Amino acid sequence: MSPITKDFILLIPCYNNLDGLVKSVKSIHHPPGKFEILIVDDGSTSAITVDSLSSAFAIKIIRIPENKGVVNALNTGLKALNARIDYNYIARLDAGDTCHPERFTKQVQFLDTHSDIFLLGSWCRFENDQTGKGYDYIAKTKHQEIIKEMHYKCSFIHPTVMFRKEVLNDIGFYPENYPDVEDYAYFWQILTQLKGEILSQILVKIDFSDKNLSSRNYKKQLIQRMRLVNHFGDRKLSKIFSFILLGGRFILPKKMITKLKLIR
């Protein structure tokens, strides 16, 4: 058997966003040799190469010939990782997002010393790189509080998470039957069987721009979130309140909701 030589492998799906990917890789701080970056190129027009990233870190790239969407890209990466035994944890990041210098050190240390925690996130900041405007995303931090909060919002923001590789055997891969909210569904599925926590520190900055504020797929996301709450929710009153809250969001455009967050 191969010994464990890496703390984690960082999974980054990417489609036609080389500049954002380069920015993300440059933000990473962790001892070389103790981690690896796995990029899943989801059919980008120009294939992503290791040389194009100008990084000294260990990087592997899986190239999907044609764009098939983020769920397929994520699961392609997880299936490749499931065949390996030389690492402890899987971390996530999206192209364009950046990490606090101590993000991975803090998450690895926490998981190393809390063997009962399988899914770990952190607080984060959503910020428009062009305007500097943004808001902090704060969530509950302890497992039982997170379970309650999941009825109203996804406590774990996808690019902040790190989880144990055993999750792949216990839970499996990202579900394909919850389009646009596959991360929300995956995390809630994990929490039904395993414990999760969130570090009360902002360790990731998520870039968002005006194009992210459009209503494209927004109502579809709301419908999928209702399905999630109905399936995983275990508190009747919380489910009812969640349906009312999500139903109200059908009335307000996504741009307006985001602008309200910016002035909090």
Protein backbone atom coordinates (compact mmCIF):
# COMPACT_ATOMS: atom_id res chain seq x y z
CA MET A 1 0.00 0.00 0.00
CA SER A 2 1.19 3.50 -0.79
CA PRO A 3 1.74 5.65 2.30
CA ILE A 4 -0.22 8.85 2.82
CA THR A 5 2.09 11.61 1.64
CA LYS A 6 -0.35 14.49 1.08
CA ASP A 7 -2.57 16.42 3.46
CA PHE A 8 -5.15 17.05 0.77
CA ILE A 9 -5.93 17.28 -2.90
CA LEU A 10 -7.56 20.49 -4.11
CA LEU A 11 -10.28 19.91 -6.70
CA ILE A 12 -10.94 22.78 -9.13
CA PRO A 13 -13.33 22.44 -12.08
CA CYS A 14 -12.80 25.02 -14.81
CA TYR A 15 -14.49 26.01 -18.04
CA ASN A 16 -13.09 28.85 -20.18
CA ASN A 17 -11.70 30.80 -17.23
CA LEU A 18 -7.92 30.51 -17.41
CA ASP A 19 -7.32 33.98 -15.93
CA GLY A 20 -9.50 33.16 -12.94
CA LEU A 21 -7.80 29.80 -12.52
CA VAL A 22 -4.34 31.40 -12.53
CA LYS A 23 -5.51 33.89 -9.89
CA SER A 24 -6.86 31.07 -7.72
CA VAL A 25 -3.68 28.98 -7.95
CA LYS A 26 -1.51 31.99 -7.06
CA SER A 27 -3.52 32.50 -3.86
CA ILE A 28 -2.72 29.03 -2.51
CA HIS A 29 -0.29 28.69 0.39
CA HIS A 30 0.73 25.26 1.68
CA PRO A 31 4.01 23.35 1.83
CA PRO A 32 4.85 21.97 -1.63
CA GLY A 33 4.72 18.20 -1.63
CA LYS A 34 2.03 18.14 1.06
CA PHE A 35 -0.83 18.69 -1.37
CA GLU A 36 -1.78 18.45 -5.02
CA ILE A 37 -4.08 20.40 -7.30
CA LEU A 38 -6.45 18.44 -9.52
CA ILE A 39 -8.02 20.55 -12.26
CA VAL A 40 -10.91 19.19 -14.28
CA ASP A 41 -11.01 21.06 -17.60
CA ASP A 42 -14.67 20.83 -18.56
CA GLY A 43 -14.18 21.12 -22.31
CA SER A 44 -12.65 24.61 -22.42
CA THR A 45 -12.23 26.02 -25.92
CA SER A 46 -8.46 26.14 -25.37
CA ALA A 47 -7.21 23.19 -23.34
CA ILE A 48 -5.73 24.10 -19.96
CA THR A 49 -2.10 23.06 -19.55
CA VAL A 50 0.18 22.94 -16.53
CA ASP A 51 2.57 25.37 -18.25
CA SER A 52 -0.22 27.93 -18.65
CA LEU A 53 -0.60 28.11 -14.86
CA SER A 54 3.01 29.11 -14.15
CA SER A 55 3.04 27.33 -10.81
CA ALA A 56 5.62 25.22 -9.00
CA PHE A 57 2.92 23.22 -7.23
CA ALA A 58 2.10 19.64 -8.18
CA ILE A 59 -0.78 19.93 -10.64
CA LYS A 60 -2.67 17.29 -12.58
CA ILE A 61 -5.28 18.03 -15.22
CA ILE A 62 -8.15 15.87 -16.40
CA ARG A 63 -9.45 17.03 -19.77
CA ILE A 64 -13.10 16.38 -20.65
CA PRO A 65 -13.42 16.64 -24.46
CA GLU A 66 -16.67 18.61 -24.38
CA ASN A 67 -18.45 20.74 -21.83
CA LYS A 68 -20.86 18.61 -19.79
CA GLY A 69 -21.48 20.83 -16.78
CA VAL A 70 -20.08 21.26 -13.30
CA VAL A 71 -21.69 18.18 -11.72
CA ASN A 72 -20.08 15.89 -14.27
CA ALA A 73 -16.76 17.71 -13.87
CA LEU A 74 -16.85 17.41 -10.08
CA ASN A 75 -17.75 13.74 -10.16
CA THR A 76 -15.08 13.05 -12.76
CA GLY A 77 -12.58 14.49 -10.30
CA LEU A 78 -13.99 12.61 -7.31
CA LYS A 79 -13.94 9.31 -9.18
CA ALA A 80 -10.26 9.83 -9.96
CA LEU A 81 -9.55 10.66 -6.32
CA ASN A 82 -11.54 7.68 -5.06
CA ALA A 83 -8.99 5.39 -6.68
CA ARG A 84 -6.12 6.94 -4.70
CA ILE A 85 -4.99 6.40 -1.11
CA ASP A 86 -2.07 8.83 -0.81
CA TYR A 87 -3.98 11.73 0.80
CA ASN A 88 -6.28 12.50 3.75
CA TYR A 89 -8.69 15.20 2.63
CA ILE A 90 -10.37 16.70 -0.41
CA ALA A 91 -10.61 20.50 -0.64
CA ARG A 92 -12.59 22.61 -3.07
CA LEU A 93 -12.05 25.89 -4.87
CA ASP A 94 -13.58 27.47 -7.95
CA ALA A 95 -11.67 29.31 -10.66
CA GLY A 96 -11.58 33.01 -9.79
CA ASP A 97 -11.89 32.55 -6.04
CA THR A 98 -8.95 33.13 -3.71
CA CYS A 99 -7.78 31.75 -0.38
CA HIS A 100 -6.57 33.35 2.83
CA PRO A 101 -2.87 32.42 3.28
CA GLU A 102 -3.71 30.27 6.32
CA ARG A 103 -6.84 28.61 4.94
CA PHE A 104 -5.44 25.16 4.29
CA THR A 105 -3.21 25.11 7.37
CA LYS A 106 -6.18 25.90 9.59
CA GLN A 107 -8.48 23.37 7.95
CA VAL A 108 -5.92 20.57 7.96
CA GLN A 109 -5.03 21.22 11.61
CA PHE A 110 -8.69 21.23 12.59
CA LEU A 111 -9.51 17.95 10.84
CA ASP A 112 -6.31 16.35 12.14
CA THR A 113 -7.42 17.11 15.71
CA HIS A 114 -11.19 16.53 15.36
CA SER A 115 -11.61 12.98 14.09
CA ASP A 116 -15.40 13.13 14.47
CA ILE A 117 -15.76 15.94 11.90
CA PHE A 118 -16.01 14.86 8.27
CA LEU A 119 -17.10 18.07 6.50
CA LEU A 120 -15.46 21.41 7.30
CA GLY A 121 -16.23 24.82 5.85
CA SER A 122 -15.42 28.41 6.73
CA TRP A 123 -16.96 31.83 6.53
CA CYS A 124 -16.20 33.69 3.31
CA ARG A 125 -16.55 37.02 1.58
CA PHE A 126 -18.37 37.65 -1.68
CA GLU A 127 -16.70 40.56 -3.43
CA ASN A 128 -16.75 42.16 -6.85
CA ASP A 129 -13.09 42.52 -7.84
CA GLN A 130 -13.88 45.45 -10.11
CA THR A 131 -15.91 47.57 -7.68
CA GLY A 132 -14.65 46.29 -4.33
CA LYS A 133 -18.24 45.98 -3.12
CA GLY A 134 -19.18 42.84 -1.28
CA TYR A 135 -20.55 41.21 1.82
CA ASP A 136 -19.46 38.63 4.36
CA TYR A 137 -21.23 35.27 4.40
CA ILE A 138 -21.66 34.20 8.00
CA ALA A 139 -23.12 30.84 8.95
CA LYS A 140 -23.63 28.75 12.06
CA THR A 141 -20.53 26.84 13.13
CA LYS A 142 -21.63 23.78 15.14
CA HIS A 143 -23.25 20.67 13.71
CA GLN A 144 -26.68 20.86 15.33
CA GLU A 145 -26.98 24.59 14.59
CA ILE A 146 -25.94 23.96 11.00
CA ILE A 147 -28.62 21.27 10.59
CA LYS A 148 -31.27 23.81 11.60
CA GLU A 149 -29.82 26.52 9.37
CA MET A 150 -29.72 24.24 6.33
CA HIS A 151 -33.52 24.53 6.19
CA TYR A 152 -33.09 28.21 5.24
CA LYS A 153 -29.77 28.42 3.41
CA CYS A 154 -26.74 26.36 2.52
CA SER A 155 -24.41 26.91 5.47
CA PHE A 156 -21.43 25.58 3.51
CA ILE A 157 -20.26 27.72 0.60
CA HIS A 158 -18.79 25.29 -1.91
CA PRO A 159 -15.28 26.75 -2.44
CA THR A 160 -14.67 26.85 1.33
CA VAL A 161 -15.05 23.16 2.10
CA MET A 162 -12.61 20.42 2.95
CA PHE A 163 -13.80 16.91 3.72
CA ARG A 164 -12.39 13.51 4.55
CA LYS A 165 -11.82 11.11 1.67
CA GLU A 166 -13.94 8.54 3.56
CA VAL A 167 -16.97 10.61 2.57
CA LEU A 168 -16.65 9.15 -0.93
CA ASN A 169 -17.20 5.64 0.41
CA ASP A 170 -19.86 6.58 2.95
CA ILE A 171 -21.89 9.03 0.83
CA GLY A 172 -20.72 8.75 -2.76
CA PHE A 173 -20.50 11.53 -5.32
CA TYR A 174 -22.43 14.72 -6.09
CA PRO A 175 -26.10 13.94 -6.84
CA GLU A 176 -27.20 14.56 -10.41
CA ASN A 177 -30.89 14.97 -9.62
CA TYR A 178 -30.58 18.43 -8.04
CA PRO A 179 -29.33 20.64 -10.90
CA ASP A 180 -27.90 24.04 -9.88
CA VAL A 181 -27.89 23.09 -6.17
CA GLU A 182 -25.79 19.92 -6.30
CA ASP A 183 -23.45 21.21 -3.59
CA TYR A 184 -26.34 22.04 -1.24
CA ALA A 185 -27.75 18.54 -1.79
CA TYR A 186 -24.37 16.85 -1.31
CA PHE A 187 -23.58 18.65 1.92
CA TRP A 188 -27.02 17.99 3.39
CA GLN A 189 -26.68 14.34 2.44
CA ILE A 190 -23.33 14.22 4.25
CA LEU A 191 -24.79 15.89 7.34
CA THR A 192 -27.53 13.27 7.64
CA GLN A 193 -24.87 10.64 8.37
CA LEU A 194 -21.69 12.47 9.39
CA LYS A 195 -20.79 15.53 11.44
CA GLY A 196 -19.81 18.88 9.97
CA GLU A 197 -18.57 22.19 11.33
CA ILE A 198 -17.63 25.62 10.01
CA LEU A 199 -14.64 27.72 11.05
CA SER A 200 -15.68 31.17 12.22
CA GLN A 201 -13.08 32.91 10.07
CA ILE A 202 -13.23 34.35 6.56
CA LEU A 203 -10.79 32.10 4.70
CA VAL A 204 -12.01 32.43 1.10
CA LYS A 205 -12.93 35.38 -1.11
CA ILE A 206 -15.45 34.58 -3.79
CA ASP A 207 -15.44 36.79 -6.85
CA PHE A 208 -18.82 37.79 -8.17
CA SER A 209 -19.67 40.29 -10.88
CA ASP A 210 -22.79 41.73 -12.46
CA LYS A 211 -23.11 38.70 -14.72
CA ASN A 212 -23.55 36.55 -11.61
CA LEU A 213 -26.49 38.68 -10.49
CA SER A 214 -28.72 37.77 -13.42
CA SER A 215 -31.91 35.82 -12.97
CA ARG A 216 -30.66 33.02 -15.22
CA ASN A 217 -31.62 29.74 -13.58
CA TYR A 218 -32.50 31.63 -10.38
CA LYS A 219 -36.10 30.44 -10.19
CA LYS A 220 -35.00 26.94 -11.10
CA GLN A 221 -32.59 27.08 -8.16
CA LEU A 222 -35.39 28.14 -5.83
CA ILE A 223 -37.51 25.20 -6.96
CA GLN A 224 -34.62 22.80 -6.42
CA ARG A 225 -34.00 24.27 -2.97
CA MET A 226 -37.64 23.62 -2.08
CA ARG A 227 -37.20 20.02 -3.19
CA LEU A 228 -34.12 19.75 -1.00
CA VAL A 229 -35.84 21.12 2.08
CA ASN A 230 -38.81 18.84 1.53
CA HIS A 231 -36.55 15.79 1.18
CA PHE A 232 -33.92 16.39 3.85
CA GLY A 233 -35.70 18.72 6.28
CA ASP A 234 -36.64 17.06 9.56
CA ARG A 235 -38.32 19.98 11.34
CA LYS A 236 -41.90 20.65 10.29
CA LEU A 237 -42.07 24.31 11.35
CA SER A 238 -38.65 25.02 9.82
CA LYS A 239 -39.77 23.46 6.55
CA ILE A 240 -42.93 25.58 6.48
CA PHE A 241 -40.99 28.77 7.19
CA SER A 242 -38.43 27.84 4.53
CA PHE A 243 -41.15 27.35 1.91
CA ILE A 244 -42.58 30.77 2.78
CA LEU A 245 -39.15 32.38 2.57
CA LEU A 246 -38.24 30.72 -0.73
CA GLY A 247 -41.67 31.45 -2.15
CA GLY A 248 -41.20 35.12 -1.36
CA ARG A 249 -37.96 35.16 -3.31
CA PHE A 250 -39.85 34.33 -6.48
CA ILE A 251 -41.22 37.87 -6.30
CA LEU A 252 -37.88 39.66 -5.92
CA PRO A 253 -35.24 39.65 -8.71
CA LYS A 254 -31.90 38.13 -7.76
CA LYS A 255 -30.17 41.46 -8.43
CA MET A 256 -32.33 43.16 -5.82
CA ILE A 257 -31.64 40.49 -3.21
CA THR A 258 -27.90 40.77 -3.78
CA LYS A 259 -28.03 44.57 -3.56
CA LEU A 260 -29.80 44.26 -0.22
CA LYS A 261 -26.96 42.05 1.01
CA LEU A 262 -24.43 44.67 -0.10
CA ILE A 263 -25.95 47.35 2.14
CA ARG A 264 -26.19 45.22 5.27
